[in-house]
Amino acid sequence: MRYSSKFLKKDHIELAGVDQPHISDWLIQEVRTEIKAKLKKTSVTSEDKFQEIVTATVAEIMPLWVYND
């Protein structure tokens, strides 16, 4: 199975360290957009690797998310 940005669920963001009630549609869309760009450069076939990418992406976006929330 090849993972894409469409596979992203709230659970992935929660595992990245964001509490479920604080996961907004804006955050999901931002993470999905960033993941889409990152996955163009590589092929991800394991959920663990996909989660690593989600976690790194959330860490990059968090300052923006806190500012815009």
PDB file of N, CA and C in Angstrom:
ATOM      1  N   MET A   1       0.842  -1.181   0.000  1.00  0.00           N
ATOM      2  CA  MET A   1       0.000   0.000   0.000  1.00  0.00           C
ATOM      3  C   MET A   1       0.886   1.242   0.000  1.00  0.00           C
ATOM      4  N   ARG A   2       0.532   2.194  -0.825  1.00  0.00           N
ATOM      5  CA  ARG A   2       1.272   3.453  -0.898  1.00  0.00           C
ATOM      6  C   ARG A   2       0.441   4.528  -0.205  1.00  0.00           C
ATOM      7  N   TYR A   3       1.052   5.223   0.740  1.00  0.00           N
ATOM      8  CA  TYR A   3       0.350   6.234   1.523  1.00  0.00           C
ATOM      9  C   TYR A   3       0.403   7.586   0.821  1.00  0.00           C
ATOM     10  N   SER A   4      -0.693   8.335   0.928  1.00  0.00           N
ATOM     11  CA  SER A   4      -0.767   9.671   0.346  1.00  0.00           C
ATOM     12  C   SER A   4      -1.403  10.608   1.366  1.00  0.00           C
ATOM     13  N   SER A   5      -1.485  11.877   1.018  1.00  0.00           N
ATOM     14  CA  SER A   5      -2.071  12.859   1.930  1.00  0.00           C
ATOM     15  C   SER A   5      -3.546  12.561   2.203  1.00  0.00           C
ATOM     16  N   LYS A   6      -4.210  11.854   1.306  1.00  0.00           N
ATOM     17  CA  LYS A   6      -5.621  11.506   1.499  1.00  0.00           C
ATOM     18  C   LYS A   6      -5.805  10.505   2.635  1.00  0.00           C
ATOM     19  N   PHE A   7      -4.735   9.803   2.994  1.00  0.00           N
ATOM     20  CA  PHE A   7      -4.784   8.812   4.062  1.00  0.00           C
ATOM     21  C   PHE A   7      -4.797   9.471   5.450  1.00  0.00           C
ATOM     22  N   LEU A   8      -4.443  10.765   5.524  1.00  0.00           N
ATOM     23  CA  LEU A   8      -4.337  11.476   6.797  1.00  0.00           C
ATOM     24  C   LEU A   8      -5.666  11.501   7.545  1.00  0.00           C
ATOM     25  N   LYS A   9      -5.614  11.136   8.813  1.00  0.00           N
ATOM     26  CA  LYS A   9      -6.785  11.165   9.689  1.00  0.00           C
ATOM     27  C   LYS A   9      -6.426  11.934  10.958  1.00  0.00           C
ATOM     28  N   LYS A  10      -7.446  12.329  11.704  1.00  0.00           N
ATOM     29  CA  LYS A  10      -7.206  13.048  12.961  1.00  0.00           C
ATOM     30  C   LYS A  10      -6.330  12.232  13.903  1.00  0.00           C
ATOM     31  N   ASP A  11      -6.461  10.923  13.860  1.00  0.00           N
ATOM     32  CA  ASP A  11      -5.654  10.060  14.736  1.00  0.00           C
ATOM     33  C   ASP A  11      -4.161  10.238  14.485  1.00  0.00           C
ATOM     34  N   HIS A  12      -3.780  10.444  13.231  1.00  0.00           N
ATOM     35  CA  HIS A  12      -2.365  10.653  12.914  1.00  0.00           C
ATOM     36  C   HIS A  12      -1.859  11.944  13.559  1.00  0.00           C
ATOM     37  N   ILE A  13      -2.688  12.986  13.514  1.00  0.00           N
ATOM     38  CA  ILE A  13      -2.295  14.263  14.110  1.00  0.00           C
ATOM     39  C   ILE A  13      -2.268  14.147  15.627  1.00  0.00           C
ATOM     40  N   GLU A  14      -3.205  13.396  16.184  1.00  0.00           N
ATOM     41  CA  GLU A  14      -3.220  13.186  17.631  1.00  0.00           C
ATOM     42  C   GLU A  14      -1.951  12.445  18.068  1.00  0.00           C
ATOM     43  N   LEU A  15      -1.535  11.446  17.318  1.00  0.00           N
ATOM     44  CA  LEU A  15      -0.298  10.728  17.631  1.00  0.00           C
ATOM     45  C   LEU A  15       0.925  11.639  17.525  1.00  0.00           C
ATOM     46  N   ALA A  16       0.797  12.708  16.757  1.00  0.00           N
ATOM     47  CA  ALA A  16       1.896  13.670  16.609  1.00  0.00           C
ATOM     48  C   ALA A  16       1.959  14.639  17.782  1.00  0.00           C
ATOM     49  N   GLY A  17       0.996  14.539  18.716  1.00  0.00           N
ATOM     50  CA  GLY A  17       1.070  15.339  19.932  1.00  0.00           C
ATOM     51  C   GLY A  17       0.020  16.415  20.092  1.00  0.00           C
ATOM     52  N   VAL A  18      -0.996  16.437  19.246  1.00  0.00           N
ATOM     53  CA  VAL A  18      -2.054  17.436  19.353  1.00  0.00           C
ATOM     54  C   VAL A  18      -3.295  16.761  19.920  1.00  0.00           C
ATOM     55  N   ASP A  19      -3.860  17.337  20.992  1.00  0.00           N
ATOM     56  CA  ASP A  19      -5.072  16.773  21.587  1.00  0.00           C
ATOM     57  C   ASP A  19      -6.231  16.852  20.598  1.00  0.00           C
ATOM     58  N   GLN A  20      -7.021  15.804  20.553  1.00  0.00           N
ATOM     59  CA  GLN A  20      -8.131  15.679  19.597  1.00  0.00           C
ATOM     60  C   GLN A  20      -9.038  16.921  19.548  1.00  0.00           C
ATOM     61  N   PRO A  21      -9.462  17.512  20.688  1.00  0.00           N
ATOM     62  CA  PRO A  21     -10.356  18.676  20.595  1.00  0.00           C
ATOM     63  C   PRO A  21      -9.709  19.901  19.935  1.00  0.00           C
ATOM     64  N   HIS A  22      -8.390  19.935  19.867  1.00  0.00           N
ATOM     65  CA  HIS A  22      -7.690  21.093  19.310  1.00  0.00           C
ATOM     66  C   HIS A  22      -7.334  20.921  17.836  1.00  0.00           C
ATOM     67  N   ILE A  23      -7.744  19.821  17.253  1.00  0.00           N
ATOM     68  CA  ILE A  23      -7.432  19.577  15.847  1.00  0.00           C
ATOM     69  C   ILE A  23      -8.515  20.242  14.996  1.00  0.00           C
ATOM     70  N   SER A  24      -8.146  21.342  14.383  1.00  0.00           N
ATOM     71  CA  SER A  24      -9.105  22.101  13.581  1.00  0.00           C
ATOM     72  C   SER A  24      -9.034  21.675  12.113  1.00  0.00           C
ATOM     73  N   ASP A  25     -10.051  22.070  11.359  1.00  0.00           N
ATOM     74  CA  ASP A  25     -10.048  21.800   9.920  1.00  0.00           C
ATOM     75  C   ASP A  25      -8.861  22.491   9.258  1.00  0.00           C
ATOM     76  N   TRP A  26      -8.520  23.686   9.755  1.00  0.00           N
ATOM     77  CA  TRP A  26      -7.376  24.421   9.213  1.00  0.00           C
ATOM     78  C   TRP A  26      -6.095  23.619   9.392  1.00  0.00           C
ATOM     79  N   LEU A  27      -5.889  23.064  10.588  1.00  0.00           N
ATOM     80  CA  LEU A  27      -4.676  22.293  10.862  1.00  0.00           C
ATOM     81  C   LEU A  27      -4.609  21.059   9.965  1.00  0.00           C
ATOM     82  N   ILE A  28      -5.714  20.363   9.831  1.00  0.00           N
ATOM     83  CA  ILE A  28      -5.748  19.171   8.976  1.00  0.00           C
ATOM     84  C   ILE A  28      -5.396  19.545   7.536  1.00  0.00           C
ATOM     85  N   GLN A  29      -5.962  20.628   7.037  1.00  0.00           N
ATOM     86  CA  GLN A  29      -5.690  21.049   5.661  1.00  0.00           C
ATOM     87  C   GLN A  29      -4.233  21.454   5.478  1.00  0.00           C
ATOM     88  N   GLU A  30      -3.677  22.169   6.444  1.00  0.00           N
ATOM     89  CA  GLU A  30      -2.267  22.570   6.356  1.00  0.00           C
ATOM     90  C   GLU A  30      -1.346  21.354   6.356  1.00  0.00           C
ATOM     91  N   VAL A  31      -1.614  20.410   7.251  1.00  0.00           N
ATOM     92  CA  VAL A  31      -0.794  19.197   7.316  1.00  0.00           C
ATOM     93  C   VAL A  31      -0.926  18.416   6.017  1.00  0.00           C
ATOM     94  N   ARG A  32      -2.139  18.297   5.511  1.00  0.00           N
ATOM     95  CA  ARG A  32      -2.375  17.555   4.268  1.00  0.00           C
ATOM     96  C   ARG A  32      -1.615  18.199   3.097  1.00  0.00           C
ATOM     97  N   THR A  33      -1.635  19.514   3.016  1.00  0.00           N
ATOM     98  CA  THR A  33      -0.929  20.226   1.947  1.00  0.00           C
ATOM     99  C   THR A  33       0.573  19.992   2.030  1.00  0.00           C
ATOM    100  N   GLU A  34       1.126  20.092   3.230  1.00  0.00           N
ATOM    101  CA  GLU A  34       2.566  19.891   3.418  1.00  0.00           C
ATOM    102  C   GLU A  34       2.972  18.442   3.124  1.00  0.00           C
ATOM    103  N   ILE A  35       2.156  17.502   3.570  1.00  0.00           N
ATOM    104  CA  ILE A  35       2.459  16.085   3.336  1.00  0.00           C
ATOM    105  C   ILE A  35       2.430  15.783   1.843  1.00  0.00           C
ATOM    106  N   LYS A  36       1.464  16.363   1.142  1.00  0.00           N
ATOM    107  CA  LYS A  36       1.367  16.148  -0.298  1.00  0.00           C
ATOM    108  C   LYS A  36       2.668  16.574  -0.979  1.00  0.00           C
ATOM    109  N   ALA A  37       3.211  17.714  -0.580  1.00  0.00           N
ATOM    110  CA  ALA A  37       4.472  18.197  -1.157  1.00  0.00           C
ATOM    111  C   ALA A  37       5.630  17.267  -0.800  1.00  0.00           C
ATOM    112  N   LYS A  38       5.668  16.800   0.433  1.00  0.00           N
ATOM    113  CA  LYS A  38       6.758  15.925   0.871  1.00  0.00           C
ATOM    114  C   LYS A  38       6.693  14.557   0.196  1.00  0.00           C
ATOM    115  N   LEU A  39       5.495  14.054  -0.026  1.00  0.00           N
ATOM    116  CA  LEU A  39       5.358  12.725  -0.613  1.00  0.00           C
ATOM    117  C   LEU A  39       5.631  12.711  -2.113  1.00  0.00           C
ATOM    118  N   LYS A  40       5.688  13.886  -2.739  1.00  0.00           N
ATOM    119  CA  LYS A  40       6.068  13.941  -4.153  1.00  0.00           C
ATOM    120  C   LYS A  40       7.530  13.560  -4.317  1.00  0.00           C
ATOM    121  N   LYS A  41       8.307  13.751  -3.252  1.00  0.00           N
ATOM    122  CA  LYS A  41       9.743  13.484  -3.300  1.00  0.00           C
ATOM    123  C   LYS A  41      10.092  12.048  -2.926  1.00  0.00           C
ATOM    124  N   THR A  42       9.160  11.331  -2.312  1.00  0.00           N
ATOM    125  CA  THR A  42       9.453   9.981  -1.834  1.00  0.00           C
ATOM    126  C   THR A  42       8.196   9.122  -1.885  1.00  0.00           C
ATOM    127  N   SER A  43       8.372   7.833  -1.885  1.00  0.00           N
ATOM    128  CA  SER A  43       7.257   6.893  -1.852  1.00  0.00           C
ATOM    129  C   SER A  43       7.211   6.256  -0.466  1.00  0.00           C
ATOM    130  N   VAL A  44       6.077   6.350   0.186  1.00  0.00           N
ATOM    131  CA  VAL A  44       5.923   5.809   1.535  1.00  0.00           C
ATOM    132  C   VAL A  44       4.991   4.609   1.467  1.00  0.00           C
ATOM    133  N   THR A  45       5.489   3.468   1.940  1.00  0.00           N
ATOM    134  CA  THR A  45       4.686   2.248   1.889  1.00  0.00           C
ATOM    135  C   THR A  45       4.427   1.658   3.265  1.00  0.00           C
ATOM    136  N   SER A  46       4.894   2.322   4.330  1.00  0.00           N
ATOM    137  CA  SER A  46       4.605   1.816   5.674  1.00  0.00           C
ATOM    138  C   SER A  46       3.927   2.907   6.493  1.00  0.00           C
ATOM    139  N   GLU A  47       3.003   2.494   7.349  1.00  0.00           N
ATOM    140  CA  GLU A  47       2.287   3.466   8.167  1.00  0.00           C
ATOM    141  C   GLU A  47       3.224   4.137   9.164  1.00  0.00           C
ATOM    142  N   ASP A  48       4.237   3.422   9.639  1.00  0.00           N
ATOM    143  CA  ASP A  48       5.199   4.019  10.570  1.00  0.00           C
ATOM    144  C   ASP A  48       5.931   5.193   9.924  1.00  0.00           C
ATOM    145  N   LYS A  49       6.372   5.024   8.695  1.00  0.00           N
ATOM    146  CA  LYS A  49       7.069   6.102   7.983  1.00  0.00           C
ATOM    147  C   LYS A  49       6.116   7.262   7.718  1.00  0.00           C
ATOM    148  N   PHE A  50       4.871   6.942   7.363  1.00  0.00           N
ATOM    149  CA  PHE A  50       3.862   7.974   7.145  1.00  0.00           C
ATOM    150  C   PHE A  50       3.664   8.775   8.423  1.00  0.00           C
ATOM    151  N   GLN A  51       3.578   8.085   9.568  1.00  0.00           N
ATOM    152  CA  GLN A  51       3.397   8.767  10.851  1.00  0.00           C
ATOM    153  C   GLN A  51       4.599   9.654  11.172  1.00  0.00           C
ATOM    154  N   GLU A  52       5.799   9.207  10.843  1.00  0.00           N
ATOM    155  CA  GLU A  52       7.000  10.038  11.047  1.00  0.00           C
ATOM    156  C   GLU A  52       6.884  11.346  10.269  1.00  0.00           C
ATOM    157  N   ILE A  53       6.423  11.254   9.042  1.00  0.00           N
ATOM    158  CA  ILE A  53       6.267  12.444   8.204  1.00  0.00           C
ATOM    159  C   ILE A  53       5.193  13.356   8.782  1.00  0.00           C
ATOM    160  N   VAL A  54       4.079  12.787   9.240  1.00  0.00           N
ATOM    161  CA  VAL A  54       3.010  13.580   9.855  1.00  0.00           C
ATOM    162  C   VAL A  54       3.536  14.291  11.097  1.00  0.00           C
ATOM    163  N   THR A  55       4.251  13.574  11.954  1.00  0.00           N
ATOM    164  CA  THR A  55       4.774  14.152  13.190  1.00  0.00           C
ATOM    165  C   THR A  55       5.729  15.306  12.887  1.00  0.00           C
ATOM    166  N   ALA A  56       6.614  15.118  11.935  1.00  0.00           N
ATOM    167  CA  ALA A  56       7.555  16.178  11.561  1.00  0.00           C
ATOM    168  C   ALA A  56       6.819  17.384  10.979  1.00  0.00           C
ATOM    169  N   THR A  57       5.809  17.122  10.190  1.00  0.00           N
ATOM    170  CA  THR A  57       5.038  18.199   9.575  1.00  0.00           C
ATOM    171  C   THR A  57       4.266  18.986  10.624  1.00  0.00           C
ATOM    172  N   VAL A  58       3.647  18.296  11.573  1.00  0.00           N
ATOM    173  CA  VAL A  58       2.919  18.973  12.651  1.00  0.00           C
ATOM    174  C   VAL A  58       3.883  19.840  13.458  1.00  0.00           C
ATOM    175  N   ALA A  59       5.073  19.340  13.727  1.00  0.00           N
ATOM    176  CA  ALA A  59       6.071  20.115  14.478  1.00  0.00           C
ATOM    177  C   ALA A  59       6.453  21.394  13.730  1.00  0.00           C
ATOM    178  N   GLU A  60       6.507  21.334  12.416  1.00  0.00           N
ATOM    179  CA  GLU A  60       6.820  22.516  11.611  1.00  0.00           C
ATOM    180  C   GLU A  60       5.669  23.518  11.613  1.00  0.00           C
ATOM    181  N   ILE A  61       4.445  23.033  11.617  1.00  0.00           N
ATOM    182  CA  ILE A  61       3.264  23.878  11.477  1.00  0.00           C
ATOM    183  C   ILE A  61       2.772  24.434  12.818  1.00  0.00           C
ATOM    184  N   MET A  62       3.067  23.781  13.906  1.00  0.00           N
ATOM    185  CA  MET A  62       2.504  24.163  15.208  1.00  0.00           C
ATOM    186  C   MET A  62       2.612  25.657  15.529  1.00  0.00           C
ATOM    187  N   PRO A  63       3.751  26.324  15.318  1.00  0.00           N
ATOM    188  CA  PRO A  63       3.779  27.764  15.628  1.00  0.00           C
ATOM    189  C   PRO A  63       2.735  28.549  14.835  1.00  0.00           C
ATOM    190  N   LEU A  64       2.512  28.189  13.581  1.00  0.00           N
ATOM    191  CA  LEU A  64       1.491  28.849  12.771  1.00  0.00           C
ATOM    192  C   LEU A  64       0.096  28.524  13.277  1.00  0.00           C
ATOM    193  N   TRP A  65      -0.112  27.273  13.663  1.00  0.00           N
ATOM    194  CA  TRP A  65      -1.416  26.825  14.135  1.00  0.00           C
ATOM    195  C   TRP A  65      -1.805  27.550  15.415  1.00  0.00           C
ATOM    196  N   VAL A  66      -0.870  27.683  16.347  1.00  0.00           N
ATOM    197  CA  VAL A  66      -1.148  28.371  17.610  1.00  0.00           C
ATOM    198  C   VAL A  66      -1.478  29.831  17.329  1.00  0.00           C
ATOM    199  N   TYR A  67      -0.759  30.447  16.395  1.00  0.00           N
ATOM    200  CA  TYR A  67      -0.983  31.849  16.057  1.00  0.00           C
ATOM    201  C   TYR A  67      -2.361  32.057  15.430  1.00  0.00           C
ATOM    202  N   ASN A  68      -2.780  31.125  14.564  1.00  0.00           N
ATOM    203  CA  ASN A  68      -4.038  31.277  13.832  1.00  0.00           C
ATOM    204  C   ASN A  68      -5.252  30.731  14.561  1.00  0.00           C
ATOM    205  N   ASP A  69      -5.061  29.979  15.628  1.00  0.00           N
ATOM    206  CA  ASP A  69      -6.181  29.318  16.297  1.00  0.00           C
ATOM    207  C   ASP A  69      -7.077  30.271  17.020  1.00  0.00           C
TER     208      ASP A  69
END
